[in-house]
Amino acid sequence: MTSEEIQTLIANHIACELCEVEGDGRHWYATVVSSAFEGLRAITRHQRVYAAMGQRMKTDEVHALSIKAFTPAEWAALSA
């Protein structure tokens, strides 16, 4: 898979203000900013991103995905 394909999968499942994916073709790093994460714990946010990947995590199309998931307010605070 490509970073663009992974970004599309996530964005089609979660309304994102920002979705950036980088990686080497096997190990991926995603930064996802979404108001849909408001009030959710980190584990639940990650579960939503993994759900967007569907079977691709189980079939090893995506070997590893490291996720940083933020609300827009959390992202703004980090950027300040």
C-alpha atoms as a PDB file:
ATOM      1  CA  MET A   1       0.000   0.000   0.000  1.00  0.00           C
ATOM      2  CA  THR A   2       0.973   3.622  -0.400  1.00  0.00           C
ATOM      3  CA  SER A   3       0.675   6.459   2.077  1.00  0.00           C
ATOM      4  CA  GLU A   4      -2.017   8.009  -0.135  1.00  0.00           C
ATOM      5  CA  GLU A   5      -4.076   4.797  -0.055  1.00  0.00           C
ATOM      6  CA  ILE A   6      -3.863   4.624   3.723  1.00  0.00           C
ATOM      7  CA  GLN A   7      -4.792   8.313   4.033  1.00  0.00           C
ATOM      8  CA  THR A   8      -7.829   7.699   1.820  1.00  0.00           C
ATOM      9  CA  LEU A   9      -8.948   4.704   3.883  1.00  0.00           C
ATOM     10  CA  ILE A  10      -8.736   6.692   7.115  1.00  0.00           C
ATOM     11  CA  ALA A  11     -10.379   9.816   5.659  1.00  0.00           C
ATOM     12  CA  ASN A  12     -13.237   7.743   4.208  1.00  0.00           C
ATOM     13  CA  HIS A  13     -13.943   6.319   7.669  1.00  0.00           C
ATOM     14  CA  ILE A  14     -13.232   9.330   9.904  1.00  0.00           C
ATOM     15  CA  ALA A  15     -13.939  12.990   9.153  1.00  0.00           C
ATOM     16  CA  CYS A  16     -10.401  14.365   9.472  1.00  0.00           C
ATOM     17  CA  GLU A  17      -9.177  17.914   9.736  1.00  0.00           C
ATOM     18  CA  LEU A  18      -5.719  16.479   9.082  1.00  0.00           C
ATOM     19  CA  CYS A  19      -4.494  13.041   8.048  1.00  0.00           C
ATOM     20  CA  GLU A  20      -0.816  12.531   7.319  1.00  0.00           C
ATOM     21  CA  VAL A  21       0.756   9.141   6.692  1.00  0.00           C
ATOM     22  CA  GLU A  22       4.431   8.360   6.237  1.00  0.00           C
ATOM     23  CA  GLY A  23       6.290   5.097   6.062  1.00  0.00           C
ATOM     24  CA  ASP A  24       8.510   2.672   4.234  1.00  0.00           C
ATOM     25  CA  GLY A  25       5.896   0.388   2.704  1.00  0.00           C
ATOM     26  CA  ARG A  26       5.620  -1.920   5.737  1.00  0.00           C
ATOM     27  CA  HIS A  27       5.847   0.351   8.781  1.00  0.00           C
ATOM     28  CA  TRP A  28       3.533   3.352   8.744  1.00  0.00           C
ATOM     29  CA  TYR A  29       3.075   6.416  10.953  1.00  0.00           C
ATOM     30  CA  ALA A  30      -0.265   8.236  10.904  1.00  0.00           C
ATOM     31  CA  THR A  31      -1.158  11.568  12.442  1.00  0.00           C
ATOM     32  CA  VAL A  32      -4.921  12.020  12.499  1.00  0.00           C
ATOM     33  CA  VAL A  33      -6.724  15.126  13.735  1.00  0.00           C
ATOM     34  CA  SER A  34     -10.497  14.844  14.009  1.00  0.00           C
ATOM     35  CA  SER A  35     -13.307  16.392  16.017  1.00  0.00           C
ATOM     36  CA  ALA A  36     -14.748  12.854  16.077  1.00  0.00           C
ATOM     37  CA  PHE A  37     -12.123  12.112  18.754  1.00  0.00           C
ATOM     38  CA  GLU A  38     -13.660  14.607  21.210  1.00  0.00           C
ATOM     39  CA  GLY A  39     -14.272  12.912  24.560  1.00  0.00           C
ATOM     40  CA  LEU A  40     -12.636   9.630  23.514  1.00  0.00           C
ATOM     41  CA  ARG A  41      -9.711   7.956  25.235  1.00  0.00           C
ATOM     42  CA  ALA A  42      -6.562   7.290  23.221  1.00  0.00           C
ATOM     43  CA  ILE A  43      -7.309   3.556  22.907  1.00  0.00           C
ATOM     44  CA  THR A  44     -10.747   4.261  21.417  1.00  0.00           C
ATOM     45  CA  ARG A  45      -9.270   6.757  18.966  1.00  0.00           C
ATOM     46  CA  HIS A  46      -6.729   4.170  17.835  1.00  0.00           C
ATOM     47  CA  GLN A  47      -9.430   1.516  17.505  1.00  0.00           C
ATOM     48  CA  ARG A  48     -11.363   3.813  15.162  1.00  0.00           C
ATOM     49  CA  VAL A  49      -8.311   4.318  12.970  1.00  0.00           C
ATOM     50  CA  TYR A  50      -7.605   0.567  12.937  1.00  0.00           C
ATOM     51  CA  ALA A  51     -11.252  -0.049  12.003  1.00  0.00           C
ATOM     52  CA  ALA A  52     -10.747   2.224   8.997  1.00  0.00           C
ATOM     53  CA  MET A  53      -7.979  -0.104   7.827  1.00  0.00           C
ATOM     54  CA  GLY A  54     -10.357  -3.072   7.807  1.00  0.00           C
ATOM     55  CA  GLN A  55      -8.744  -6.434   7.045  1.00  0.00           C
ATOM     56  CA  ARG A  56      -5.526  -4.847   5.790  1.00  0.00           C
ATOM     57  CA  MET A  57      -3.974  -5.052   9.255  1.00  0.00           C
ATOM     58  CA  LYS A  58      -4.922  -8.724   9.595  1.00  0.00           C
ATOM     59  CA  THR A  59      -3.750  -9.762   6.137  1.00  0.00           C
ATOM     60  CA  ASP A  60      -0.406  -7.976   6.560  1.00  0.00           C
ATOM     61  CA  GLU A  61      -1.001  -5.512   3.719  1.00  0.00           C
ATOM     62  CA  VAL A  62      -0.108  -3.025   6.440  1.00  0.00           C
ATOM     63  CA  HIS A  63       2.399  -4.665   8.746  1.00  0.00           C
ATOM     64  CA  ALA A  64       2.548  -1.915  11.385  1.00  0.00           C
ATOM     65  CA  LEU A  65       0.694   1.347  11.917  1.00  0.00           C
ATOM     66  CA  SER A  66       1.741   3.792  14.616  1.00  0.00           C
ATOM     67  CA  ILE A  67      -1.031   6.296  15.337  1.00  0.00           C
ATOM     68  CA  LYS A  68      -1.069   9.761  16.853  1.00  0.00           C
ATOM     69  CA  ALA A  69      -4.709  10.823  17.185  1.00  0.00           C
ATOM     70  CA  PHE A  70      -5.683  14.315  18.309  1.00  0.00           C
ATOM     71  CA  THR A  71      -8.715  16.543  18.582  1.00  0.00           C
ATOM     72  CA  PRO A  72      -8.393  19.888  16.771  1.00  0.00           C
ATOM     73  CA  ALA A  73      -7.888  21.670  20.118  1.00  0.00           C
ATOM     74  CA  GLU A  74      -5.135  19.252  21.158  1.00  0.00           C
ATOM     75  CA  TRP A  75      -3.448  19.672  17.772  1.00  0.00           C
ATOM     76  CA  ALA A  76      -3.653  23.470  18.019  1.00  0.00           C
ATOM     77  CA  ALA A  77      -2.101  23.357  21.497  1.00  0.00           C
ATOM     78  CA  LEU A  78       0.795  21.264  20.177  1.00  0.00           C
ATOM     79  CA  SER A  79       1.328  23.653  17.280  1.00  0.00           C
ATOM     80  CA  ALA A  80       1.372  26.732  19.510  1.00  0.00           C
END
